[in-house]
Amino acid sequence: MGKGIPCRSKQRVRVGGKQPKEVKITSVVPQGSVLCTLLFVLYVNDIWRNFDPSIRLFADMCKMYRIITNKNDIKNLQKDLKILGEWAVENGMKINPGKSKAIIFTRAQVKNPMGLCLGDQKIPEASSCKYLGIILRSDLNWGDQVNYTAQKTWKALHFVMRVLKKGNRNTK
């Protein structure tokens, strides 16, 4: 079976501020299993209640976004990131700012840096990101996504061509 979610040999669950004694763990949930994802989603399901902007959760991915029209909107987004950090600490979770990206989606030529932080670490700004398998660029151009899709299509086509050329009759 696959690797399990790393855990201590003992654990306890806090309910309503009360913490019972620790109990020994005798099994783990295999990482990557449907149950593992379901348990994680249940764990983070209340995260959206704390935020003013739109927030999207998918498996272990969290996207927060806000329409920025002035500097006050950037300050509010930074406040939301602070609340996210506090939520993570309260729930015993760590968010890796190194895996986070800040992107400004605009057709404007000049982009002012936002300088957003998560905890005491600055969130790096990027010109593109991959979201649910789609490459999104800050300038709203689809060129990278089109090239990526064409490249995947050519690879699949060449695989089929090799099988047809060299494969036996049953394979064809």
C-alpha atoms as a PDB file:
ATOM      1  CA  MET A   1       0.000   0.000   0.000  1.00  0.00           C
ATOM      2  CA  GLY A   2       1.089   3.642  -0.350  1.00  0.00           C
ATOM      3  CA  LYS A   3       2.596   5.908   2.260  1.00  0.00           C
ATOM      4  CA  GLY A   4       0.303   6.933   5.069  1.00  0.00           C
ATOM      5  CA  ILE A   5      -0.246  10.434   6.340  1.00  0.00           C
ATOM      6  CA  PRO A   6       2.596  11.111   8.773  1.00  0.00           C
ATOM      7  CA  CYS A   7       1.306  11.123  12.312  1.00  0.00           C
ATOM      8  CA  ARG A   8       2.420  10.741  15.888  1.00  0.00           C
ATOM      9  CA  SER A   9       1.975   7.460  17.682  1.00  0.00           C
ATOM     10  CA  LYS A  10      -0.602   9.139  19.945  1.00  0.00           C
ATOM     11  CA  GLN A  11      -3.236  11.777  19.321  1.00  0.00           C
ATOM     12  CA  ARG A  12      -6.204  13.536  20.882  1.00  0.00           C
ATOM     13  CA  VAL A  13      -9.129  15.523  19.541  1.00  0.00           C
ATOM     14  CA  ARG A  14     -10.147  18.827  21.107  1.00  0.00           C
ATOM     15  CA  VAL A  15     -13.919  19.351  21.200  1.00  0.00           C
ATOM     16  CA  GLY A  16     -15.376  22.594  22.537  1.00  0.00           C
ATOM     17  CA  GLY A  17     -12.154  23.498  24.349  1.00  0.00           C
ATOM     18  CA  LYS A  18     -11.967  20.150  26.174  1.00  0.00           C
ATOM     19  CA  GLN A  19      -9.033  17.855  25.509  1.00  0.00           C
ATOM     20  CA  PRO A  20      -9.396  14.242  26.570  1.00  0.00           C
ATOM     21  CA  LYS A  21      -6.328  12.099  27.225  1.00  0.00           C
ATOM     22  CA  GLU A  22      -4.233  10.929  24.291  1.00  0.00           C
ATOM     23  CA  VAL A  23      -4.992   7.600  22.631  1.00  0.00           C
ATOM     24  CA  LYS A  24      -2.627   5.357  20.731  1.00  0.00           C
ATOM     25  CA  ILE A  25      -2.930   5.357  16.923  1.00  0.00           C
ATOM     26  CA  THR A  26      -3.058   1.878  15.432  1.00  0.00           C
ATOM     27  CA  SER A  27      -3.514   2.740  11.732  1.00  0.00           C
ATOM     28  CA  VAL A  28      -3.171   5.529   9.168  1.00  0.00           C
ATOM     29  CA  VAL A  29      -5.070   6.597   6.069  1.00  0.00           C
ATOM     30  CA  PRO A  30      -3.082   5.905   2.872  1.00  0.00           C
ATOM     31  CA  GLN A  31      -1.858   9.145   1.293  1.00  0.00           C
ATOM     32  CA  GLY A  32      -3.572   9.824  -2.037  1.00  0.00           C
ATOM     33  CA  SER A  33      -6.606   7.717  -1.220  1.00  0.00           C
ATOM     34  CA  VAL A  34     -10.169   8.984  -1.574  1.00  0.00           C
ATOM     35  CA  LEU A  35     -10.622   8.816   2.199  1.00  0.00           C
ATOM     36  CA  CYS A  36      -7.472  10.885   2.765  1.00  0.00           C
ATOM     37  CA  THR A  37      -8.782  13.665   0.497  1.00  0.00           C
ATOM     38  CA  LEU A  38     -12.232  13.521   2.079  1.00  0.00           C
ATOM     39  CA  LEU A  39     -10.813  13.824   5.593  1.00  0.00           C
ATOM     40  CA  PHE A  40      -8.653  16.783   4.541  1.00  0.00           C
ATOM     41  CA  VAL A  41     -11.635  18.556   2.930  1.00  0.00           C
ATOM     42  CA  LEU A  42     -13.687  18.027   6.086  1.00  0.00           C
ATOM     43  CA  TYR A  43     -10.808  19.429   8.123  1.00  0.00           C
ATOM     44  CA  VAL A  44     -10.532  22.666   6.107  1.00  0.00           C
ATOM     45  CA  ASN A  45     -14.239  23.013   5.305  1.00  0.00           C
ATOM     46  CA  ASP A  46     -14.741  26.004   7.638  1.00  0.00           C
ATOM     47  CA  ILE A  47     -11.904  28.068   6.153  1.00  0.00           C
ATOM     48  CA  TRP A  48     -14.183  30.115   3.861  1.00  0.00           C
ATOM     49  CA  ARG A  49     -16.240  31.494   6.788  1.00  0.00           C
ATOM     50  CA  ASN A  50     -13.415  33.782   7.894  1.00  0.00           C
ATOM     51  CA  PHE A  51     -12.873  35.644   4.646  1.00  0.00           C
ATOM     52  CA  ASP A  52     -14.387  38.563   2.837  1.00  0.00           C
ATOM     53  CA  PRO A  53     -12.914  37.823  -0.620  1.00  0.00           C
ATOM     54  CA  SER A  54     -13.725  34.876  -2.758  1.00  0.00           C
ATOM     55  CA  ILE A  55     -11.914  31.722  -1.740  1.00  0.00           C
ATOM     56  CA  ARG A  56     -11.880  28.395  -3.570  1.00  0.00           C
ATOM     57  CA  LEU A  57     -10.866  25.005  -2.183  1.00  0.00           C
ATOM     58  CA  PHE A  58     -10.068  21.981  -4.312  1.00  0.00           C
ATOM     59  CA  ALA A  59      -8.473  18.937  -2.668  1.00  0.00           C
ATOM     60  CA  ASP A  60      -5.401  20.380  -0.900  1.00  0.00           C
ATOM     61  CA  MET A  61      -5.364  23.605  -2.899  1.00  0.00           C
ATOM     62  CA  CYS A  62      -6.690  26.940  -1.678  1.00  0.00           C
ATOM     63  CA  LYS A  63      -7.073  29.983  -3.949  1.00  0.00           C
ATOM     64  CA  MET A  64      -7.963  33.390  -2.574  1.00  0.00           C
ATOM     65  CA  TYR A  65      -8.729  36.267  -4.879  1.00  0.00           C
ATOM     66  CA  ARG A  66     -10.040  39.812  -4.759  1.00  0.00           C
ATOM     67  CA  ILE A  67     -10.757  42.533  -7.292  1.00  0.00           C
ATOM     68  CA  ILE A  68      -8.167  45.243  -6.717  1.00  0.00           C
ATOM     69  CA  THR A  69      -9.217  48.755  -7.678  1.00  0.00           C
ATOM     70  CA  ASN A  70      -7.198  50.755  -5.148  1.00  0.00           C
ATOM     71  CA  LYS A  71      -4.546  50.438  -2.428  1.00  0.00           C
ATOM     72  CA  ASN A  72      -7.219  49.817   0.212  1.00  0.00           C
ATOM     73  CA  ASP A  73      -8.162  46.573  -1.583  1.00  0.00           C
ATOM     74  CA  ILE A  74      -4.539  45.412  -1.298  1.00  0.00           C
ATOM     75  CA  LYS A  75      -4.576  46.223   2.443  1.00  0.00           C
ATOM     76  CA  ASN A  76      -7.786  44.199   2.820  1.00  0.00           C
ATOM     77  CA  LEU A  77      -6.231  41.273   0.943  1.00  0.00           C
ATOM     78  CA  GLN A  78      -3.227  41.432   3.293  1.00  0.00           C
ATOM     79  CA  LYS A  79      -5.632  41.386   6.276  1.00  0.00           C
ATOM     80  CA  ASP A  80      -7.268  38.288   4.789  1.00  0.00           C
ATOM     81  CA  LEU A  81      -3.863  36.609   4.485  1.00  0.00           C
ATOM     82  CA  LYS A  82      -3.249  37.425   8.158  1.00  0.00           C
ATOM     83  CA  ILE A  83      -6.590  35.816   9.063  1.00  0.00           C
ATOM     84  CA  LEU A  84      -5.637  32.769   6.957  1.00  0.00           C
ATOM     85  CA  GLY A  85      -2.356  32.488   8.869  1.00  0.00           C
ATOM     86  CA  GLU A  86      -4.182  32.757  12.189  1.00  0.00           C
ATOM     87  CA  TRP A  87      -6.696  30.096  11.065  1.00  0.00           C
ATOM     88  CA  ALA A  88      -3.805  27.788  10.177  1.00  0.00           C
ATOM     89  CA  VAL A  89      -2.143  28.265  13.577  1.00  0.00           C
ATOM     90  CA  GLU A  90      -5.457  27.760  15.399  1.00  0.00           C
ATOM     91  CA  ASN A  91      -6.061  24.530  13.470  1.00  0.00           C
ATOM     92  CA  GLY A  92      -2.502  23.238  13.838  1.00  0.00           C
ATOM     93  CA  MET A  93      -1.774  23.538  10.137  1.00  0.00           C
ATOM     94  CA  LYS A  94       1.242  24.905   8.294  1.00  0.00           C
ATOM     95  CA  ILE A  95       0.930  26.871   5.060  1.00  0.00           C
ATOM     96  CA  ASN A  96       4.042  26.970   2.925  1.00  0.00           C
ATOM     97  CA  PRO A  97       4.463  30.540   1.601  1.00  0.00           C
ATOM     98  CA  GLY A  98       7.102  29.184  -0.785  1.00  0.00           C
ATOM     99  CA  LYS A  99       4.378  27.250  -2.616  1.00  0.00           C
ATOM    100  CA  SER A 100       2.157  30.325  -2.720  1.00  0.00           C
ATOM    101  CA  LYS A 101       2.054  32.848  -5.558  1.00  0.00           C
ATOM    102  CA  ALA A 102       0.617  36.322  -5.946  1.00  0.00           C
ATOM    103  CA  ILE A 103      -0.583  37.170  -9.444  1.00  0.00           C
ATOM    104  CA  ILE A 104      -2.100  40.370 -10.776  1.00  0.00           C
ATOM    105  CA  PHE A 105      -4.381  39.644 -13.726  1.00  0.00           C
ATOM    106  CA  THR A 106      -4.501  42.743 -15.909  1.00  0.00           C
ATOM    107  CA  ARG A 107      -3.929  43.969 -19.458  1.00  0.00           C
ATOM    108  CA  ALA A 108      -2.214  47.104 -18.113  1.00  0.00           C
ATOM    109  CA  GLN A 109       1.427  47.567 -19.134  1.00  0.00           C
ATOM    110  CA  VAL A 110       2.566  48.812 -15.713  1.00  0.00           C
ATOM    111  CA  LYS A 111       1.861  46.626 -12.684  1.00  0.00           C
ATOM    112  CA  ASN A 112       2.506  47.888  -9.190  1.00  0.00           C
ATOM    113  CA  PRO A 113       3.883  45.172  -6.907  1.00  0.00           C
ATOM    114  CA  MET A 114       1.503  44.143  -4.126  1.00  0.00           C
ATOM    115  CA  GLY A 115       4.107  43.033  -1.572  1.00  0.00           C
ATOM    116  CA  LEU A 116       1.823  40.503   0.134  1.00  0.00           C
ATOM    117  CA  CYS A 117       3.025  38.424   3.099  1.00  0.00           C
ATOM    118  CA  LEU A 118       1.857  35.252   4.761  1.00  0.00           C
ATOM    119  CA  GLY A 119       3.067  35.307   8.318  1.00  0.00           C
ATOM    120  CA  ASP A 120       6.532  36.820   8.211  1.00  0.00           C
ATOM    121  CA  GLN A 121       7.344  35.566   4.701  1.00  0.00           C
ATOM    122  CA  LYS A 122       6.768  37.488   1.499  1.00  0.00           C
ATOM    123  CA  ILE A 123       4.608  35.766  -1.118  1.00  0.00           C
ATOM    124  CA  PRO A 124       6.494  35.754  -4.427  1.00  0.00           C
ATOM    125  CA  GLU A 125       4.775  37.431  -7.362  1.00  0.00           C
ATOM    126  CA  ALA A 126       4.526  35.418 -10.563  1.00  0.00           C
ATOM    127  CA  SER A 127       3.504  36.042 -14.159  1.00  0.00           C
ATOM    128  CA  SER A 128       1.618  32.754 -14.512  1.00  0.00           C
ATOM    129  CA  CYS A 129       0.225  29.843 -12.538  1.00  0.00           C
ATOM    130  CA  LYS A 130      -1.400  26.496 -13.176  1.00  0.00           C
ATOM    131  CA  TYR A 131      -4.915  26.152 -11.786  1.00  0.00           C
ATOM    132  CA  LEU A 132      -6.781  22.847 -12.156  1.00  0.00           C
ATOM    133  CA  GLY A 133      -4.601  21.976 -15.147  1.00  0.00           C
ATOM    134  CA  ILE A 134      -5.004  25.314 -16.939  1.00  0.00           C
ATOM    135  CA  ILE A 135      -2.133  27.768 -17.287  1.00  0.00           C
ATOM    136  CA  LEU A 136      -3.264  31.296 -16.418  1.00  0.00           C
ATOM    137  CA  ARG A 137      -1.050  34.239 -17.361  1.00  0.00           C
ATOM    138  CA  SER A 138      -1.150  37.615 -15.686  1.00  0.00           C
ATOM    139  CA  ASP A 139      -1.590  39.371 -19.056  1.00  0.00           C
ATOM    140  CA  LEU A 140      -4.652  37.169 -19.791  1.00  0.00           C
ATOM    141  CA  ASN A 141      -2.949  35.674 -22.860  1.00  0.00           C
ATOM    142  CA  TRP A 142      -3.693  31.987 -23.580  1.00  0.00           C
ATOM    143  CA  GLY A 143      -0.455  31.310 -25.503  1.00  0.00           C
ATOM    144  CA  ASP A 144       1.174  29.156 -22.785  1.00  0.00           C
ATOM    145  CA  GLN A 145      -1.967  27.027 -22.379  1.00  0.00           C
ATOM    146  CA  VAL A 146      -2.332  26.533 -26.141  1.00  0.00           C
ATOM    147  CA  ASN A 147       1.341  25.516 -26.476  1.00  0.00           C
ATOM    148  CA  TYR A 148       1.081  23.143 -23.500  1.00  0.00           C
ATOM    149  CA  THR A 149      -2.049  21.482 -24.915  1.00  0.00           C
ATOM    150  CA  ALA A 150      -0.535  21.201 -28.408  1.00  0.00           C
ATOM    151  CA  GLN A 151       2.628  19.638 -26.942  1.00  0.00           C
ATOM    152  CA  LYS A 152       0.593  17.047 -25.002  1.00  0.00           C
ATOM    153  CA  THR A 153      -1.453  16.278 -28.119  1.00  0.00           C
ATOM    154  CA  TRP A 154       1.677  15.743 -30.259  1.00  0.00           C
ATOM    155  CA  LYS A 155       3.133  13.385 -27.644  1.00  0.00           C
ATOM    156  CA  ALA A 156      -0.065  11.327 -27.612  1.00  0.00           C
ATOM    157  CA  LEU A 157      -0.200  11.284 -31.413  1.00  0.00           C
ATOM    158  CA  HIS A 158       3.439  10.153 -31.708  1.00  0.00           C
ATOM    159  CA  PHE A 159       2.787   7.374 -29.205  1.00  0.00           C
ATOM    160  CA  VAL A 160      -0.157   6.124 -31.272  1.00  0.00           C
ATOM    161  CA  MET A 161       1.909   6.350 -34.472  1.00  0.00           C
ATOM    162  CA  ARG A 162       4.749   4.301 -32.921  1.00  0.00           C
ATOM    163  CA  VAL A 163       2.300   1.623 -31.773  1.00  0.00           C
ATOM    164  CA  LEU A 164       0.689   1.457 -35.225  1.00  0.00           C
ATOM    165  CA  LYS A 165       4.048   1.356 -37.015  1.00  0.00           C
ATOM    166  CA  LYS A 166       5.862  -1.206 -34.838  1.00  0.00           C
ATOM    167  CA  GLY A 167       3.059  -3.015 -33.063  1.00  0.00           C
ATOM    168  CA  ASN A 168       1.822  -6.454 -34.029  1.00  0.00           C
ATOM    169  CA  ARG A 169      -1.632  -7.100 -35.439  1.00  0.00           C
ATOM    170  CA  ASN A 170      -3.236  -7.659 -32.021  1.00  0.00           C
ATOM    171  CA  THR A 171      -1.821  -4.400 -30.716  1.00  0.00           C
ATOM    172  CA  LYS A 172      -3.163  -2.501 -33.720  1.00  0.00           C
END
